[in-house]
Structures are given as structure tokens and as C-alpha cells.
């Protein structure tokens, strides 16, 4: 129990685990060990309570109402915007746009900045590490505009080939879209260098920060990122909400994403005057309760300390990697030097789905499949992997249970 009580730099993992109601249950008669955090993290009681309190106590639409409940809801909603601004170190709250999450944020940029700026013959650069949500919107845009998609290759270790990236850049490059950390392999990309090199040729850069937000320090001003997208549910917040950071001058120059309430100043049949940022991009009634609860997730990370949490997760990553490497026939896919707490692996002669189902019978939740990164799986010549991803509430004891389960599966399947 000392591991739980002490954690890293005073991080009390035992106390943290008590904050998450979902962890304290049995699955198939076994204590739950939840290792699907790269897909979505679990929610602390404070997030659940905030959502409940909104709907029980002050459910009202925001911004346009002058009654007490509307004003309370509006204030709480805008408090979250300021918290995200500070979390990303954006210069102003107006640079924070609420969206459904990273996927919608990317689609927003493609449909506004992309549609306005990308012309026939221009080029858009993505990487082999990308989630489908950072590939398909650019393919749609490229097809519409007769532009070209170019792809940064990935090494056997799962790292981007930065020299090849530099060769891809040219005066035709309009936009570069890459993730900060890979959801499939855990690779942490050198986005500072990627942004710097893109800016040399006048290209703008969108960073998919979905996997990075819970693990890595993010300073959009220091990075000089043009756009940075996050999802609340990837770092202990609700599903269905997230945020897009964009530089003020870019957001102000971009056309609206959708039409409707909130994004207007004045409407007549002769024409419409659009609202100022950020509201220009927030048409309709937003996901108010979940945005308010999102603030509690940010508080959770800030109060426990992202650096301490990341250090503990790195400890789990190193421990799990060493244990899994000792299993015969198991191969880890993605061995980058810098990783967030994600381990993807395959086992000779056993389909990932079978491994996932047999681990689930032991109460162990892992992800199996292509993880919405089919081009990356094709790069490695595999159909998919088993992915174990760790969060601050996981323990070495849980990893031991997983490793023991995999060892038993290997021995059973080899009979």
C-alpha cells in the first residue's frame, strides 16, 4: 500500500482513487482494472457533482437571459473558458472556442480557415501517426479545393521522420496538422520544431492535443501554435465538450462555422452581422452543463499537479513496459524515446480481440483494434493492437494483474 499512499512527490494515489466512483466495482466477478484511458478517462466525484448541481439547481440557457438562473449559468460557463485559457496559457479568453471536442475543433478549422485559405494546388501536411479525425477533414477539404495531402513518415520506433518533414515543406504548404501525442503508440511529437519549421514557409499549424492534455505541459504562446484542440473527456471531464484555441488574428479573419443564435449581432433579410469572437463560432445552445463540469476536471488536474501526475504515469509506463517485454511472443508496437503512458502490443498467433475479451473476463479493460488510426496500422503491417493506457488512478498492482492475465492467455492459447 505504500505505493498508493506515497505515489510520486507526495501524490496520494489511494486518495485519488477514492475520488472516482466507477473504479470501485467488480466486472465479471473481478475488481475492475481500467486501462482504456486513451479512449476516455473516468470522472472524479467533483465533475459528476457539478453536472448534477447544474441540472438540479440552475439549469438555464446562457448569455441572453437576465434572470438569476441564466446569469448564474452564464457566469459558471464563462469561468470554464477562463480556466481553459489559463490551462493552455492563451493570451485572451476570446481565443478559446467551445466545441464538442477535438474532432469538431479540427472540422471547424478545416471548414473555415481551410475553406477560405486553401486554394487549388496548395498542400496540407499530416502524419502517419494521426487519428482519423485529423486526416478525413483535410481529405474532404483537399478534394473540394483540388489541393494535395502530404504525409510525414513514421520510423519503426513510431517516431516522426523530421528530416523527411522538412523536405515536404514548401511555399505550397498552407497548413500542417499533427498530434502532440499519439493515441495509438503514445509517441510525443516534437511540435515546437514542427511549428517552427512550418512557419518558415508561411504555413499555419493545427495541433491535435487530445492525448497530450492530461499528460504534458501546454503553453500555446511559447509553442507559437496557430490552433490547438482538446477534448474534456480525455482528462477527467465530461464527454461531448472540448475547446479550440486559435490565435486572435486568425479567428477574427475566419468566416463562421455554423449559423444560428449567439453567433450573430444583427439579422435582417438584407444581411447578417456576425458576433465577435469567441461567440462567432458558438452557434446555438451549447453543452452548458458539461462545460461547467469541465472546469472541475481542470481543477482536479491543477490541484494534483500535472507534473506529479505525469511523473507517476511515466513510472507506470516504465513498469508495465518492462513486465510486458518479458512475455514470450509479445511485441510492443511503438518504442519511441518520449511517450505518454500508452503501450500498444501484439502477440504472435493471438488476435487482439481475443486478448481483449479474455482480459475483460478477468475484470481488466483494455482497448483492441486499429484505434482510429488505420493508416498507422497499415504502416506496421498489422490489423490492430492491444492498447493499455494508464492514468493517475492506476497502480502497479493492476498492471501485475494484467500481465498475469496475458501470461495465462499465452500459455492457454499455445496448448
Protein backbone atom coordinates (compact mmCIF):
# COMPACT_ATOMS: atom_id res chain seq x y z
CA UNK A 1 0.00 0.00 0.00
CA UNK A 2 2.97 2.37 0.32
CA UNK A 3 2.92 2.83 -3.44
CA UNK A 4 -0.66 4.09 -3.24
CA UNK A 5 -0.16 6.32 -0.23
CA UNK A 6 3.02 7.99 -1.38
CA UNK A 7 2.89 7.98 -5.15
CA UNK A 8 5.36 10.41 -6.74
CA UNK A 9 6.38 13.62 -4.97
CA UNK A 10 3.66 13.20 -2.39
CA UNK A 11 0.93 12.26 -4.88
CA UNK A 12 -1.62 10.26 -2.87
CA UNK A 13 -2.88 7.70 -5.34
CA UNK A 14 -5.03 5.95 -2.76
CA UNK A 15 -6.88 9.20 -2.03
CA UNK A 16 -7.19 9.93 -5.75
CA UNK A 17 -8.74 6.53 -6.42
CA UNK A 18 -11.41 7.24 -3.81
CA UNK A 19 -12.49 10.27 -5.88
CA UNK A 20 -13.58 8.04 -8.81
CA UNK A 21 -16.81 6.12 -8.09
CA UNK A 22 -16.64 3.91 -11.19
CA UNK A 23 -13.37 2.30 -10.12
CA UNK A 24 -14.90 0.61 -7.08
CA UNK A 25 -16.83 -2.19 -8.71
CA UNK A 26 -16.42 -5.73 -9.93
CA UNK A 27 -16.55 -6.71 -13.61
CA UNK A 28 -17.20 -10.37 -14.30
CA UNK A 29 -16.65 -11.07 -10.60
CA UNK A 30 -13.22 -9.39 -10.52
CA UNK A 31 -12.13 -5.94 -9.32
CA UNK A 32 -12.12 -3.51 -12.24
CA UNK A 33 -8.72 -2.50 -13.63
CA UNK A 34 -9.41 0.24 -16.16
CA UNK A 35 -6.67 0.63 -18.80
CA UNK A 36 -8.67 2.33 -21.57
CA UNK A 37 -7.76 5.88 -20.58
CA UNK A 38 -6.56 6.91 -24.03
CA UNK A 39 -10.14 6.39 -25.23
CA UNK A 40 -11.69 8.22 -22.28
CA UNK A 41 -10.72 8.79 -18.68
CA UNK A 42 -13.02 8.21 -15.73
CA UNK A 43 -14.60 11.15 -13.91
CA UNK A 44 -13.96 12.27 -10.32
CA UNK A 45 -16.89 12.88 -7.99
CA UNK A 46 -16.41 16.65 -8.29
CA UNK A 47 -17.16 16.53 -12.04
CA UNK A 48 -20.24 14.36 -11.54
CA UNK A 49 -21.44 16.62 -8.71
CA UNK A 50 -21.03 19.79 -10.79
CA UNK A 51 -23.12 18.32 -13.59
CA UNK A 52 -25.79 17.21 -11.14
CA UNK A 53 -25.86 20.60 -9.40
CA UNK A 54 -26.36 22.46 -12.66
CA UNK A 55 -29.39 20.42 -13.70
CA UNK A 56 -30.87 20.33 -10.20
CA UNK A 57 -30.20 23.92 -9.22
CA UNK A 58 -29.73 26.42 -12.05
CA UNK A 59 -30.48 24.87 -15.43
CA UNK A 60 -30.97 27.81 -17.80
CA UNK A 61 -29.78 28.99 -21.19
CA UNK A 62 -26.82 31.34 -21.16
CA UNK A 63 -25.74 34.78 -22.35
CA UNK A 64 -29.14 36.07 -23.42
CA UNK A 65 -31.15 35.73 -20.20
CA UNK A 66 -31.24 38.39 -17.47
CA UNK A 67 -32.94 36.30 -14.77
CA UNK A 68 -30.99 34.87 -11.84
CA UNK A 69 -30.62 31.30 -13.09
CA UNK A 70 -29.45 32.44 -16.53
CA UNK A 71 -26.90 34.79 -15.01
CA UNK A 72 -25.58 32.06 -12.68
CA UNK A 73 -25.27 29.57 -15.54
CA UNK A 74 -23.57 32.16 -17.78
CA UNK A 75 -21.04 33.02 -15.10
CA UNK A 76 -20.18 29.35 -14.46
CA UNK A 77 -19.90 28.69 -18.21
CA UNK A 78 -17.51 31.61 -18.71
CA UNK A 79 -15.44 30.61 -15.65
CA UNK A 80 -14.60 27.41 -17.54
CA UNK A 81 -13.50 29.44 -20.56
CA UNK A 82 -11.07 31.38 -18.37
CA UNK A 83 -9.81 28.13 -16.78
CA UNK A 84 -9.05 26.69 -20.22
CA UNK A 85 -7.32 29.92 -21.22
CA UNK A 86 -5.04 29.59 -18.19
CA UNK A 87 -4.60 25.84 -18.72
CA UNK A 88 -3.31 26.45 -22.26
CA UNK A 89 -1.74 29.83 -21.44
CA UNK A 90 -3.63 31.55 -24.24
CA UNK A 91 -3.28 35.31 -24.32
CA UNK A 92 -7.00 36.02 -24.04
CA UNK A 93 -10.26 34.23 -23.26
CA UNK A 94 -11.60 35.30 -26.66
CA UNK A 95 -9.16 32.84 -28.23
CA UNK A 96 -10.98 29.87 -26.61
CA UNK A 97 -13.86 28.40 -28.64
CA UNK A 98 -16.11 25.75 -27.08
CA UNK A 99 -16.74 22.74 -29.32
CA UNK A 100 -17.92 19.15 -28.91
CA UNK A 101 -14.28 18.10 -28.70
CA UNK A 102 -11.11 17.70 -30.74
CA UNK A 103 -12.88 16.21 -33.75
CA UNK A 104 -15.27 19.13 -34.11
CA UNK A 105 -12.44 21.59 -33.49
CA UNK A 106 -10.47 20.16 -36.40
CA UNK A 107 -13.53 20.16 -38.63
CA UNK A 108 -14.20 23.78 -37.65
CA UNK A 109 -10.72 24.86 -38.76
CA UNK A 110 -10.97 22.85 -41.99
CA UNK A 111 -14.40 24.31 -42.83
CA UNK A 112 -13.49 27.92 -42.03
CA UNK A 113 -9.80 28.71 -42.23
CA UNK A 114 -9.18 25.84 -44.62
CA UNK A 115 -12.04 26.62 -46.97
CA UNK A 116 -11.09 30.30 -47.02
CA UNK A 117 -7.32 29.97 -47.38
CA UNK A 118 -6.57 26.71 -49.21
CA UNK A 119 -6.53 27.05 -52.98
CA UNK A 120 -6.03 24.74 -55.96
CA UNK A 121 -2.50 23.33 -55.94
CA UNK A 122 -1.86 24.07 -52.25
CA UNK A 123 -0.57 21.38 -49.92
CA UNK A 124 -1.63 20.16 -46.49
CA UNK A 125 0.75 18.08 -44.39
CA UNK A 126 -0.39 15.43 -41.89
CA UNK A 127 1.49 12.47 -40.41
CA UNK A 128 1.19 8.70 -40.37
CA UNK A 129 0.53 8.94 -36.62
CA UNK A 130 -2.77 10.79 -36.99
CA UNK A 131 -6.18 9.82 -35.70
CA UNK A 132 -8.79 9.61 -38.46
CA UNK A 133 -10.28 12.89 -37.20
CA UNK A 134 -7.05 14.64 -38.19
CA UNK A 135 -6.98 13.01 -41.64
CA UNK A 136 -10.52 12.87 -43.04
CA UNK A 137 -11.42 16.59 -42.66
CA UNK A 138 -8.30 17.52 -44.62
CA UNK A 139 -9.07 14.93 -47.29
CA UNK A 140 -12.54 16.41 -47.71
CA UNK A 141 -11.06 19.90 -47.96
CA UNK A 142 -8.33 18.80 -50.38
CA UNK A 143 -10.88 17.14 -52.65
CA UNK A 144 -13.06 20.26 -52.65
CA UNK A 145 -10.16 22.64 -53.29
CA UNK A 146 -8.06 20.36 -55.53
CA UNK A 147 -5.24 20.54 -53.01
CA UNK A 148 -2.74 17.81 -52.13
CA UNK A 149 -2.23 15.88 -48.89
CA UNK A 150 1.36 15.03 -47.99
CA UNK A 151 2.29 12.62 -45.20
CA UNK A 152 5.17 12.67 -42.71
CA UNK A 153 6.50 9.09 -42.47
CA UNK A 154 6.98 7.21 -39.20
CA UNK A 155 10.03 5.17 -38.20
CA UNK A 156 9.97 1.59 -36.91
CA UNK A 157 10.11 3.04 -33.39
CA UNK A 158 6.97 5.06 -34.07
CA UNK A 159 8.68 8.44 -34.30
CA UNK A 160 8.12 11.05 -36.99
CA UNK A 161 10.88 11.45 -39.55
CA UNK A 162 11.57 15.15 -39.04
CA UNK A 163 14.12 15.32 -41.85
CA UNK A 164 11.50 13.96 -44.24
CA UNK A 165 9.04 16.52 -42.86
CA UNK A 166 11.39 19.36 -43.65
CA UNK A 167 11.70 18.06 -47.21
CA UNK A 168 7.90 18.06 -47.57
CA UNK A 169 7.61 21.73 -46.62
CA UNK A 170 7.49 24.27 -49.44
CA UNK A 171 5.89 27.55 -50.41
CA UNK A 172 2.87 25.46 -51.44
CA UNK A 173 2.33 24.26 -47.86
CA UNK A 174 -0.73 26.00 -46.47
CA UNK A 175 -1.30 24.05 -43.27
CA UNK A 176 0.34 21.36 -41.12
CA UNK A 177 -1.89 19.22 -38.87
CA UNK A 178 -0.24 16.83 -36.40
CA UNK A 179 -0.93 15.43 -32.95
CA UNK A 180 1.03 16.39 -29.86
CA UNK A 181 0.95 12.76 -28.67
CA UNK A 182 -0.20 9.64 -30.50
CA UNK A 183 -3.32 7.94 -29.20
CA UNK A 184 -2.18 4.59 -30.63
CA UNK A 185 1.51 4.46 -29.71
CA UNK A 186 1.95 7.19 -27.10
CA UNK A 187 4.69 8.92 -29.12
CA UNK A 188 5.28 12.52 -28.07
CA UNK A 189 5.98 14.57 -31.17
CA UNK A 190 8.47 17.48 -31.31
CA UNK A 191 5.76 20.02 -32.02
CA UNK A 192 7.94 23.02 -31.19
CA UNK A 193 10.21 22.12 -34.10
CA UNK A 194 7.28 21.16 -36.32
CA UNK A 195 5.65 24.55 -35.74
CA UNK A 196 8.88 26.48 -36.17
CA UNK A 197 9.72 24.83 -39.49
CA UNK A 198 6.18 25.29 -40.83
CA UNK A 199 6.23 28.99 -40.01
CA UNK A 200 9.45 29.40 -42.00
CA UNK A 201 7.47 28.69 -45.19
CA UNK A 202 4.42 30.68 -44.07
CA UNK A 203 2.24 27.67 -43.19
CA UNK A 204 -0.14 27.57 -40.24
CA UNK A 205 -0.16 24.67 -37.77
CA UNK A 206 -3.00 22.85 -36.04
CA UNK A 207 -2.08 20.63 -33.10
CA UNK A 208 -4.36 17.79 -32.02
CA UNK A 209 -3.86 17.91 -28.25
CA UNK A 210 -6.42 15.26 -27.28
CA UNK A 211 -3.86 12.80 -25.88
CA UNK A 212 -1.42 15.41 -24.59
CA UNK A 213 -3.79 17.43 -22.43
CA UNK A 214 -3.75 15.08 -19.43
CA UNK A 215 -0.03 14.38 -19.52
CA UNK A 216 2.06 17.21 -20.95
CA UNK A 217 2.62 20.89 -20.20
CA UNK A 218 0.90 23.06 -22.82
CA UNK A 219 1.77 26.68 -23.49
CA UNK A 220 0.29 27.77 -26.79
CA UNK A 221 2.09 31.11 -26.68
CA UNK A 222 5.52 29.54 -26.12
CA UNK A 223 4.77 26.95 -28.82
CA UNK A 224 3.54 29.68 -31.17
CA UNK A 225 0.73 27.29 -32.15
CA UNK A 226 -1.84 28.68 -34.55
CA UNK A 227 -4.56 26.25 -33.46
CA UNK A 228 -4.64 23.76 -30.57
CA UNK A 229 -7.57 21.38 -29.93
CA UNK A 230 -8.51 19.49 -26.76
CA UNK A 231 -11.33 17.23 -25.53
CA UNK A 232 -12.62 17.32 -21.93
CA UNK A 233 -13.20 13.59 -21.68
CA UNK A 234 -9.53 12.82 -22.31
CA UNK A 235 -8.59 14.44 -19.00
CA UNK A 236 -11.22 13.53 -16.43
CA UNK A 237 -14.01 15.76 -17.79
CA UNK A 238 -17.37 15.03 -19.44
CA UNK A 239 -17.86 13.70 -22.95
CA UNK A 240 -19.27 15.89 -25.69
CA UNK A 241 -17.32 19.03 -24.93
CA UNK A 242 -13.89 20.46 -25.64
CA UNK A 243 -12.18 23.56 -26.86
CA UNK A 244 -10.28 25.04 -29.77
CA UNK A 245 -7.56 27.60 -29.21
CA UNK A 246 -6.84 29.88 -32.14
CA UNK A 247 -4.72 32.97 -32.50
CA UNK A 248 -6.93 36.04 -32.32
CA UNK A 249 -5.97 37.40 -35.74
CA UNK A 250 -6.79 34.05 -37.38
CA UNK A 251 -10.13 33.62 -35.62
CA UNK A 252 -11.17 37.15 -36.47
CA UNK A 253 -10.35 36.63 -40.14
CA UNK A 254 -12.21 33.32 -40.42
CA UNK A 255 -15.86 33.02 -41.50
CA UNK A 256 -18.41 31.47 -39.10
CA UNK A 257 -18.63 27.70 -38.84
CA UNK A 258 -22.41 27.44 -38.36
CA UNK A 259 -25.31 29.87 -38.49
CA UNK A 260 -27.88 30.50 -35.77
CA UNK A 261 -28.30 32.06 -32.37
CA UNK A 262 -25.37 33.55 -30.39
CA UNK A 263 -23.08 33.87 -33.40
CA UNK A 264 -24.89 36.98 -34.66
CA UNK A 265 -25.08 40.65 -33.74
CA UNK A 266 -27.91 41.61 -36.05
CA UNK A 267 -30.05 39.71 -38.55
CA UNK A 268 -32.29 41.02 -41.30
CA UNK A 269 -33.38 39.63 -44.63
CA UNK A 270 -30.93 42.03 -46.23
CA UNK A 271 -27.97 40.51 -44.41
CA UNK A 272 -26.39 39.48 -41.10
CA UNK A 273 -23.69 40.99 -38.91
CA UNK A 274 -21.67 38.36 -37.07
CA UNK A 275 -20.77 38.40 -33.39
CA UNK A 276 -17.28 38.94 -32.03
CA UNK A 277 -15.02 36.01 -31.16
CA UNK A 278 -15.40 33.61 -29.45
CA UNK A 279 -19.18 33.71 -29.91
CA UNK A 280 -18.94 33.91 -33.71
CA UNK A 281 -18.09 30.18 -33.63
CA UNK A 282 -20.59 29.10 -30.96
CA UNK A 283 -23.94 28.94 -32.73
CA UNK A 284 -26.93 27.60 -30.82
CA UNK A 285 -27.35 26.39 -27.26
CA UNK A 286 -24.07 24.82 -26.17
CA UNK A 287 -23.48 21.83 -23.92
CA UNK A 288 -23.81 24.08 -20.86
CA UNK A 289 -23.80 21.54 -18.02
CA UNK A 290 -20.82 19.62 -19.34
CA UNK A 291 -18.82 22.80 -19.98
CA UNK A 292 -19.46 23.85 -16.37
CA UNK A 293 -18.38 20.39 -15.13
CA UNK A 294 -15.29 20.60 -17.38
CA UNK A 295 -13.95 23.25 -15.00
CA UNK A 296 -13.90 20.70 -12.19
CA UNK A 297 -11.73 18.39 -14.29
CA UNK A 298 -9.25 21.21 -14.82
CA UNK A 299 -9.28 21.88 -11.06
CA UNK A 300 -8.60 18.19 -10.41
CA UNK A 301 -5.51 18.24 -12.65
CA UNK A 302 -4.27 21.57 -11.29
CA UNK A 303 -4.74 20.60 -7.64
CA UNK A 304 -2.88 17.31 -8.00
CA UNK A 305 -0.22 18.83 -10.24
CA UNK A 306 0.19 17.79 -13.85
CA UNK A 307 3.95 17.32 -13.41
CA UNK A 308 3.45 14.95 -10.46
CA UNK A 309 0.71 13.09 -12.29
CA UNK A 310 2.86 12.75 -15.41
CA UNK A 311 5.82 11.51 -13.37
CA UNK A 312 3.69 8.83 -11.76
CA UNK A 313 2.20 7.79 -15.10
CA UNK A 314 5.72 7.57 -16.55
CA UNK A 315 6.60 5.26 -13.67
CA UNK A 316 3.62 3.07 -14.57
CA UNK A 317 4.65 3.14 -18.25
CA UNK A 318 8.20 2.00 -17.47
CA UNK A 319 6.95 -0.69 -15.09
CA UNK A 320 4.33 -2.02 -17.50
CA UNK A 321 6.73 -1.96 -20.45
CA UNK A 322 9.35 -4.00 -18.58
CA UNK A 323 6.78 -6.55 -17.42
CA UNK A 324 5.18 -6.98 -20.85
CA UNK A 325 8.51 -7.29 -22.65
CA UNK A 326 9.22 -10.40 -20.57
CA UNK A 327 6.26 -12.28 -22.07
CA UNK A 328 7.25 -14.62 -24.88
CA UNK A 329 5.79 -13.80 -28.28
CA UNK A 330 4.66 -10.32 -27.21
CA UNK A 331 5.90 -7.35 -29.25
CA UNK A 332 5.38 -3.75 -28.28
CA UNK A 333 4.44 -1.54 -31.24
CA UNK A 334 5.80 1.95 -30.75
CA UNK A 335 9.06 2.26 -28.84
CA UNK A 336 9.66 6.00 -29.11
CA UNK A 337 12.05 7.57 -26.63
CA UNK A 338 9.40 10.04 -25.50
CA UNK A 339 5.94 8.64 -24.80
CA UNK A 340 2.84 9.35 -22.78
CA UNK A 341 1.51 6.41 -20.77
CA UNK A 342 0.33 4.20 -23.64
CA UNK A 343 1.52 0.70 -24.51
CA UNK A 344 0.34 -0.96 -27.72
CA UNK A 345 1.29 -4.57 -28.37
CA UNK A 346 0.61 -7.68 -30.41
CA UNK A 347 1.14 -11.33 -29.53
CA UNK A 348 2.17 -13.92 -32.07
CA UNK A 349 -0.73 -16.12 -33.14
CA UNK A 350 -3.41 -14.42 -30.99
CA UNK A 351 -5.87 -11.87 -32.35
CA UNK A 352 -6.05 -8.63 -30.33
CA UNK A 353 -9.84 -9.01 -29.94
CA UNK A 354 -9.36 -12.41 -28.29
CA UNK A 355 -6.86 -10.96 -25.85
CA UNK A 356 -9.21 -8.11 -25.03
CA UNK A 357 -12.16 -10.42 -24.40
CA UNK A 358 -10.15 -12.78 -22.21
CA UNK A 359 -8.75 -9.89 -20.17
CA UNK A 360 -12.26 -8.50 -19.76
CA UNK A 361 -13.28 -11.84 -18.24
CA UNK A 362 -10.70 -11.02 -15.57
CA UNK A 363 -12.08 -7.52 -14.98
CA UNK A 364 -9.33 -5.83 -16.99
CA UNK A 365 -10.41 -3.21 -19.54
CA UNK A 366 -8.05 -2.61 -22.47
CA UNK A 367 -8.70 -1.32 -25.99
CA UNK A 368 -8.26 -3.50 -29.06
CA UNK A 369 -8.36 -2.74 -32.77
CA UNK A 370 -6.91 -0.03 -35.01
CA UNK A 371 -7.69 2.84 -32.57
CA UNK A 372 -8.99 5.04 -35.40
CA UNK A 373 -5.50 5.01 -36.92
CA UNK A 374 -5.82 2.56 -39.81
CA UNK A 375 -3.06 4.15 -41.92
CA UNK A 376 -0.69 3.73 -38.98
CA UNK A 377 -1.64 0.08 -38.59
CA UNK A 378 -1.05 -0.38 -42.33
CA UNK A 379 2.39 1.21 -41.88
CA UNK A 380 3.32 -1.55 -39.43
CA UNK A 381 1.62 -4.27 -41.44
CA UNK A 382 -0.81 -5.23 -38.69
CA UNK A 383 -4.59 -5.30 -38.34
CA UNK A 384 -4.57 -3.76 -34.88
CA UNK A 385 -3.08 -3.90 -31.41
CA UNK A 386 -4.00 -4.33 -27.79
CA UNK A 387 -3.62 -0.95 -26.08
CA UNK A 388 -3.17 -0.44 -22.36
CA UNK A 389 -3.19 3.22 -21.35
CA UNK A 390 -2.59 4.42 -17.82
CA UNK A 391 -3.97 7.29 -15.75
CA UNK A 392 -3.11 8.68 -12.34
CA UNK A 393 -5.58 6.35 -10.58
CA UNK A 394 -3.97 3.16 -11.94
CA UNK A 395 -1.50 1.11 -9.91
CA UNK A 396 1.38 -1.31 -10.38
CA UNK A 397 -0.75 -3.97 -8.72
CA UNK A 398 -3.32 -3.59 -11.50
CA UNK A 399 -0.55 -3.86 -14.09
CA UNK A 400 0.61 -7.07 -12.41
CA UNK A 401 -2.91 -8.46 -12.75
CA UNK A 402 -2.94 -7.58 -16.45
CA UNK A 403 0.49 -9.11 -17.07
CA UNK A 404 -0.50 -12.26 -15.20
CA UNK A 405 -3.69 -12.46 -17.26
CA UNK A 406 -1.78 -12.08 -20.53
CA UNK A 407 0.76 -14.68 -19.47
CA UNK A 408 -2.04 -17.13 -18.73
CA UNK A 409 -3.71 -16.35 -22.08
CA UNK A 410 -0.45 -17.02 -23.95
CA UNK A 411 0.06 -20.32 -22.18
CA UNK A 412 -3.57 -21.37 -22.72
CA UNK A 413 -3.54 -20.47 -26.42
CA UNK A 414 -0.25 -22.27 -27.02
CA UNK A 415 -1.60 -25.61 -25.83
